[in-house]
Amino acid sequence: MKPDILEVQPLELTFLFELKKQSSCSVQMINKTDHHVAFKIKTTNPKKYCVRPNVGVVDPNASCDFTVTMQAPKVAPPDMICRDKFLVQSTVVPEGTKEEDVTSNMFAKEDGKIVDEKRLKVIFLSPPDSPELSPFNEPSKLVHDSESRELKDDIGQKDSSHAKVDEGMEVSKGDGESLEATRKEEPFKRNEAVKRVEEPVKQSQEYIKRNEELMQMNDTQELILAKDVEEMKLKVKELESKFTEAKAAILRLTEEKRLATQEKHFLQGELDLLRSKRHRAQVGFPLLFVFMVSLVSLYIGYLLHT
């Protein structure tokens, strides 16, 4: 027998059934182990119910409540029997696991992993001002009532048969023939009553089978969705790594541009310095030339004078 990872109380979701009014109920989950336990809640009719929270993590030796809200019903079910089911899955997770880390893959039954499952059924109660306060969905009671009616019909038929036999002993042969026809109809009526009793049972079995198939389909869709989410996470990580590389390349190019600008300013300064020195050299040459010409002119003038 699988150990109970989470204790769920109660195992029945009881809603006060009133047309065009919402109804809620709470369920408590108790973790009596020394491990952290993750849980996930599923339903066969997700459009009809709202579960908060539907996933989470329960600390060791702690408890957690979740609330189920039934949307306002517009019409009552034909037989007043609710066949909706809830499934509470739980499994042990490492310490530090958060609610956003809980995925459907954690509850996959593979590699000997222990996954505890508890099924909850739904019960409708009539409002307090109703003359009947008993639950609507009591299929066993309906079957019992049907069987009682069948037995009463059989007893009534037997009593009427005996009465007709007694009368047949005193009346004509035509009455005996009608009694024989009545006896022949008794098995047919009995078979019809049995069929009426068995038909709701067969419908319930078919509904349960459809619910199980729907749960399996939901599990498959959740696994596919989980795989898609994992693929998206990998793509996001790749994009983040590429973005980091691009950012590093931009920083490197920016630094190279800054160094190139500094080197350009340094070379511009050196070039301006060389130009200024060259200009001063060009300005001093004509003065020397004038001085030499003046000196030669004075010397020639002195010779001519003497």
Protein backbone atom coordinates (compact mmCIF):
# COMPACT_ATOMS: atom_id res chain seq x y z
CA MET A 1 0.00 0.00 0.00
CA LYS A 2 1.34 3.44 -0.92
CA PRO A 3 2.10 5.71 2.05
CA ASP A 4 -0.08 8.78 2.56
CA ILE A 5 2.12 11.74 1.75
CA LEU A 6 -0.68 14.24 2.36
CA GLU A 7 -3.75 13.69 4.51
CA VAL A 8 -6.78 15.32 2.89
CA GLN A 9 -9.84 16.28 4.94
CA PRO A 10 -12.65 15.95 3.95
CA LEU A 11 -12.77 13.57 1.00
CA GLU A 12 -16.07 15.04 -0.17
CA LEU A 13 -16.66 18.54 -1.53
CA THR A 14 -20.02 19.70 -0.23
CA PHE A 15 -21.67 22.64 -2.03
CA LEU A 16 -24.91 24.40 -1.17
CA PHE A 17 -26.76 24.15 -4.47
CA GLU A 18 -28.70 27.27 -5.40
CA LEU A 19 -29.47 28.46 -8.90
CA LYS A 20 -27.55 31.58 -10.04
CA LYS A 21 -25.46 31.65 -6.84
CA GLN A 22 -21.83 30.72 -6.30
CA SER A 23 -20.88 28.25 -3.62
CA SER A 24 -17.51 27.52 -2.01
CA CYS A 25 -15.95 24.94 0.27
CA SER A 26 -12.49 24.46 1.80
CA VAL A 27 -10.28 21.38 2.03
CA GLN A 28 -7.32 20.96 4.38
CA MET A 29 -4.12 19.11 3.48
CA ILE A 30 -1.87 17.95 6.33
CA ASN A 31 1.79 17.01 5.83
CA LYS A 32 2.75 14.61 8.61
CA THR A 33 6.14 13.78 7.07
CA ASP A 34 9.56 15.37 7.62
CA HIS A 35 9.85 16.34 3.94
CA HIS A 36 8.63 19.17 1.78
CA VAL A 37 5.62 18.01 -0.28
CA ALA A 38 4.38 19.53 -3.55
CA PHE A 39 0.72 19.20 -4.51
CA LYS A 40 -1.38 19.72 -7.62
CA ILE A 41 -5.18 19.68 -7.89
CA LYS A 42 -7.09 18.61 -11.02
CA THR A 43 -10.77 18.39 -11.88
CA THR A 44 -12.85 16.79 -14.61
CA ASN A 45 -14.75 20.06 -15.13
CA PRO A 46 -12.24 22.98 -14.95
CA LYS A 47 -14.69 25.47 -16.48
CA LYS A 48 -17.18 24.92 -13.66
CA TYR A 49 -14.82 25.19 -10.68
CA CYS A 50 -12.11 27.62 -9.55
CA VAL A 51 -9.40 26.18 -7.27
CA ARG A 52 -7.09 28.48 -5.26
CA PRO A 53 -4.32 27.56 -4.92
CA ASN A 54 -4.21 24.66 -7.37
CA VAL A 55 -0.45 24.04 -6.88
CA GLY A 56 1.92 24.65 -4.00
CA VAL A 57 4.37 23.27 -1.46
CA VAL A 58 3.53 22.18 2.11
CA ASP A 59 6.31 22.41 4.70
CA PRO A 60 7.13 19.44 6.95
CA ASN A 61 4.59 18.82 9.73
CA ALA A 62 2.45 21.71 8.48
CA SER A 63 -0.95 22.12 6.84
CA CYS A 64 -2.36 24.02 3.89
CA ASP A 65 -5.93 24.81 2.80
CA PHE A 66 -7.32 25.25 -0.68
CA THR A 67 -10.71 26.66 -1.63
CA VAL A 68 -12.96 25.36 -4.40
CA THR A 69 -15.55 27.77 -5.80
CA MET A 70 -18.39 26.45 -7.95
CA GLN A 71 -19.64 28.89 -10.56
CA ALA A 72 -23.28 29.94 -10.30
CA PRO A 73 -25.36 27.15 -11.90
CA LYS A 74 -28.03 28.20 -14.37
CA VAL A 75 -29.96 24.92 -14.35
CA ALA A 76 -30.15 21.96 -12.02
CA PRO A 77 -28.76 18.63 -13.24
CA PRO A 78 -31.47 16.31 -14.62
CA ASP A 79 -31.04 13.64 -11.95
CA MET A 80 -29.65 15.99 -9.27
CA ILE A 81 -26.51 13.86 -9.17
CA CYS A 82 -23.09 15.50 -9.57
CA ARG A 83 -20.53 13.24 -11.21
CA ASP A 84 -17.66 15.75 -11.15
CA LYS A 85 -14.44 14.51 -9.55
CA PHE A 86 -11.30 16.11 -8.13
CA LEU A 87 -7.81 14.61 -7.97
CA VAL A 88 -5.19 15.72 -5.39
CA GLN A 89 -1.65 14.64 -6.39
CA SER A 90 1.29 14.97 -4.00
CA THR A 91 4.97 14.02 -4.05
CA VAL A 92 8.12 14.74 -2.04
CA VAL A 93 10.31 17.59 -3.36
CA PRO A 94 13.72 18.99 -2.30
CA GLU A 95 13.93 21.68 0.34
CA GLY A 96 13.76 25.19 -1.11
CA THR A 97 11.25 24.31 -3.85
CA LYS A 98 8.86 27.21 -4.41
CA GLU A 99 5.30 27.31 -5.72
CA GLU A 100 6.40 28.63 -9.13
CA ASP A 101 8.82 25.68 -9.44
CA VAL A 102 6.01 23.08 -9.29
CA THR A 103 5.35 21.55 -12.75
CA SER A 104 3.37 18.59 -14.09
CA ASN A 105 6.59 16.60 -14.65
CA MET A 106 7.03 16.31 -10.87
CA PHE A 107 3.90 14.11 -10.70
CA ALA A 108 4.85 11.73 -13.53
CA LYS A 109 4.83 8.12 -12.29
CA GLU A 110 8.20 6.97 -13.58
CA ASP A 111 11.52 5.62 -12.27
CA GLY A 112 9.87 4.35 -9.10
CA LYS A 113 8.80 7.83 -8.00
CA ILE A 114 6.10 7.87 -5.33
CA VAL A 115 3.08 9.99 -6.26
CA ASP A 116 0.14 9.95 -3.86
CA GLU A 117 -3.32 10.49 -5.39
CA LYS A 118 -6.59 11.10 -3.63
CA ARG A 119 -9.94 11.42 -5.42
CA LEU A 120 -12.64 13.69 -4.08
CA LYS A 121 -16.29 13.54 -5.08
CA VAL A 122 -18.81 16.36 -5.14
CA ILE A 123 -22.04 16.44 -3.17
CA PHE A 124 -24.87 18.95 -3.55
CA LEU A 125 -26.93 20.07 -0.55
CA SER A 126 -30.30 21.75 -0.76
CA PRO A 127 -30.58 25.28 0.73
CA PRO A 128 -31.56 25.61 4.42
CA ASP A 129 -35.08 26.81 3.59
CA SER A 130 -35.74 23.68 1.52
CA PRO A 131 -37.98 21.02 3.09
CA GLU A 132 -35.33 18.38 2.32
CA LEU A 133 -31.84 18.89 3.76
CA SER A 134 -30.41 15.60 2.55
CA PRO A 135 -27.84 15.46 -0.29
CA PHE A 136 -29.21 15.40 -3.81
CA ASN A 137 -26.85 12.77 -5.10
CA GLU A 138 -27.63 9.47 -3.43
CA PRO A 139 -27.53 6.92 -6.23
CA SER A 140 -27.67 4.01 -3.79
CA LYS A 141 -30.91 5.38 -2.35
CA LEU A 142 -32.37 5.74 -5.84
CA VAL A 143 -31.43 2.19 -6.70
CA HIS A 144 -32.86 0.98 -3.39
CA ASP A 145 -36.11 2.85 -4.00
CA SER A 146 -36.29 1.37 -7.49
CA GLU A 147 -35.74 -2.11 -6.10
CA SER A 148 -38.40 -1.50 -3.45
CA ARG A 149 -40.85 -0.37 -6.08
CA GLU A 150 -39.99 -3.48 -8.12
CA LEU A 151 -40.62 -5.76 -5.12
CA LYS A 152 -43.89 -4.00 -4.37
CA ASP A 153 -44.97 -4.39 -7.98
CA ASP A 154 -44.10 -8.08 -7.86
CA ILE A 155 -46.03 -8.56 -4.61
CA GLY A 156 -48.98 -6.66 -6.03
CA GLN A 157 -48.89 -8.76 -9.16
CA LYS A 158 -48.71 -11.97 -7.14
CA ASP A 159 -51.62 -10.89 -4.95
CA SER A 160 -53.69 -9.98 -7.97
CA SER A 161 -52.75 -13.30 -9.59
CA HIS A 162 -53.90 -15.25 -6.53
CA ALA A 163 -57.09 -13.25 -6.44
CA LYS A 164 -57.70 -13.99 -10.08
CA VAL A 165 -57.04 -17.70 -9.47
CA ASP A 166 -59.59 -17.72 -6.68
CA GLU A 167 -62.06 -15.95 -8.82
CA GLY A 168 -61.27 -18.30 -11.71
CA MET A 169 -62.37 -21.24 -9.58
CA GLU A 170 -65.82 -19.66 -9.40
CA VAL A 171 -66.08 -17.94 -12.77
CA SER A 172 -66.01 -19.06 -16.33
CA LYS A 173 -63.18 -20.41 -18.48
CA GLY A 174 -62.64 -16.99 -20.12
CA ASP A 175 -61.40 -15.58 -16.84
CA GLY A 176 -58.87 -18.41 -16.60
CA GLU A 177 -57.51 -17.50 -19.99
CA SER A 178 -57.04 -13.85 -18.91
CA LEU A 179 -55.22 -15.11 -15.78
CA GLU A 180 -52.85 -17.13 -17.95
CA ALA A 181 -52.12 -14.03 -20.10
CA THR A 182 -51.39 -12.04 -16.93
CA ARG A 183 -48.93 -14.65 -15.75
CA LYS A 184 -47.11 -14.51 -19.08
CA GLU A 185 -46.79 -10.73 -18.80
CA GLU A 186 -45.21 -10.92 -15.33
CA PRO A 187 -41.66 -11.94 -16.49
CA PHE A 188 -41.69 -9.20 -19.14
CA LYS A 189 -42.62 -6.54 -16.57
CA ARG A 190 -40.00 -7.87 -14.17
CA ASN A 191 -37.33 -7.63 -16.87
CA GLU A 192 -38.39 -4.06 -17.65
CA ALA A 193 -38.03 -3.11 -13.97
CA VAL A 194 -34.56 -4.69 -13.82
CA LYS A 195 -33.51 -2.77 -16.93
CA ARG A 196 -34.73 0.48 -15.39
CA VAL A 197 -32.58 -0.18 -12.31
CA GLU A 198 -29.49 -1.27 -14.26
CA GLU A 199 -29.59 1.62 -16.74
CA PRO A 200 -28.50 4.36 -14.23
CA VAL A 201 -25.70 2.08 -13.01
CA LYS A 202 -24.41 1.60 -16.56
CA GLN A 203 -24.62 5.35 -17.19
CA SER A 204 -22.61 6.01 -14.02
CA GLN A 205 -19.93 3.53 -15.09
CA GLU A 206 -19.72 5.11 -18.53
CA TYR A 207 -19.47 8.57 -16.97
CA ILE A 208 -16.65 7.44 -14.66
CA LYS A 209 -14.83 5.94 -17.64
CA ARG A 210 -15.19 9.18 -19.59
CA ASN A 211 -13.89 11.13 -16.58
CA GLU A 212 -10.80 8.91 -16.37
CA GLU A 213 -10.17 9.33 -20.09
CA LEU A 214 -10.57 13.10 -19.70
CA MET A 215 -8.07 13.13 -16.84
CA GLN A 216 -5.59 11.16 -18.97
CA MET A 217 -6.07 13.63 -21.81
CA ASN A 218 -5.50 16.52 -19.40
CA ASP A 219 -2.30 14.85 -18.14
CA THR A 220 -1.08 14.42 -21.73
CA GLN A 221 -1.85 18.03 -22.58
CA GLU A 222 -0.11 19.23 -19.44
CA LEU A 223 2.99 17.16 -20.28
CA ILE A 224 3.05 18.64 -23.79
CA LEU A 225 2.62 22.12 -22.34
CA ALA A 226 5.41 21.47 -19.82
CA LYS A 227 7.74 20.37 -22.64
CA ASP A 228 6.87 23.51 -24.60
CA VAL A 229 7.62 25.62 -21.53
CA GLU A 230 10.98 23.89 -21.06
CA GLU A 231 11.84 24.51 -24.71
CA MET A 232 10.89 28.17 -24.34
CA LYS A 233 13.08 28.42 -21.24
CA LEU A 234 16.04 26.96 -23.17
CA LYS A 235 15.47 29.42 -26.01
CA VAL A 236 15.28 32.30 -23.54
CA LYS A 237 18.55 31.17 -21.95
CA GLU A 238 20.21 31.03 -25.38
CA LEU A 239 18.95 34.53 -26.19
CA GLU A 240 20.20 35.78 -22.82
CA SER A 241 23.67 34.30 -23.47
CA LYS A 242 23.76 35.87 -26.93
CA PHE A 243 22.64 39.20 -25.47
CA THR A 244 25.43 38.99 -22.88
CA GLU A 245 27.99 38.29 -25.60
CA ALA A 246 26.68 41.19 -27.69
CA LYS A 247 26.81 43.52 -24.68
CA ALA A 248 30.42 42.50 -23.98
CA ALA A 249 31.32 43.10 -27.63
CA ILE A 250 29.69 46.56 -27.51
CA LEU A 251 31.67 47.44 -24.36
CA ARG A 252 34.91 46.25 -25.98
CA LEU A 253 34.27 48.31 -29.12
CA THR A 254 33.38 51.34 -27.00
CA GLU A 255 36.68 51.06 -25.09
CA GLU A 256 38.63 50.67 -28.34
CA LYS A 257 36.88 53.77 -29.74
CA ARG A 258 37.78 55.76 -26.61
CA LEU A 259 41.46 54.72 -26.86
CA ALA A 260 41.50 55.56 -30.57
CA THR A 261 40.03 59.00 -29.81
CA GLN A 262 42.67 59.65 -27.15
CA GLU A 263 45.44 58.59 -29.54
CA LYS A 264 43.98 60.86 -32.23
CA HIS A 265 44.00 63.86 -29.86
CA PHE A 266 47.60 63.10 -28.85
CA LEU A 267 48.77 62.91 -32.48
CA GLN A 268 46.85 66.11 -33.28
CA GLY A 269 48.70 67.88 -30.46
CA GLU A 270 52.06 66.59 -31.69
CA LEU A 271 51.26 67.77 -35.21
CA ASP A 272 50.28 71.25 -33.97
CA LEU A 273 53.54 71.46 -31.99
CA LEU A 274 55.62 70.58 -35.07
CA ARG A 275 53.78 73.15 -37.14
CA SER A 276 54.42 75.88 -34.59
CA LYS A 277 58.15 75.06 -34.47
CA ARG A 278 58.39 75.11 -38.26
CA HIS A 279 56.63 78.48 -38.39
CA ARG A 280 59.12 79.98 -35.93
CA ALA A 281 62.03 78.65 -37.99
CA GLN A 282 60.63 80.16 -41.17
CA VAL A 283 60.15 83.56 -39.46
CA GLY A 284 63.84 83.76 -38.18
CA PHE A 285 65.52 83.09 -41.56
CA PRO A 286 64.59 86.37 -43.31
CA LEU A 287 65.86 88.49 -40.34
CA LEU A 288 69.27 86.86 -40.55
CA PHE A 289 69.34 87.39 -44.26
CA VAL A 290 68.55 91.12 -43.85
CA PHE A 291 71.21 91.46 -41.17
CA MET A 292 73.85 89.89 -43.42
CA VAL A 293 72.85 92.07 -46.39
CA SER A 294 73.05 95.17 -44.20
CA LEU A 295 76.51 94.18 -42.94
CA VAL A 296 77.81 93.55 -46.46
CA SER A 297 76.32 96.87 -47.62
CA LEU A 298 78.12 98.80 -44.86
CA TYR A 299 81.39 97.12 -45.69
CA ILE A 300 81.11 97.95 -49.39
CA GLY A 301 80.20 101.53 -48.52
CA TYR A 302 83.22 101.85 -46.29
CA LEU A 303 85.53 100.58 -49.08
CA LEU A 304 84.09 102.98 -51.60
CA HIS A 305 84.51 105.89 -49.20
CA THR A 306 88.14 105.17 -48.53
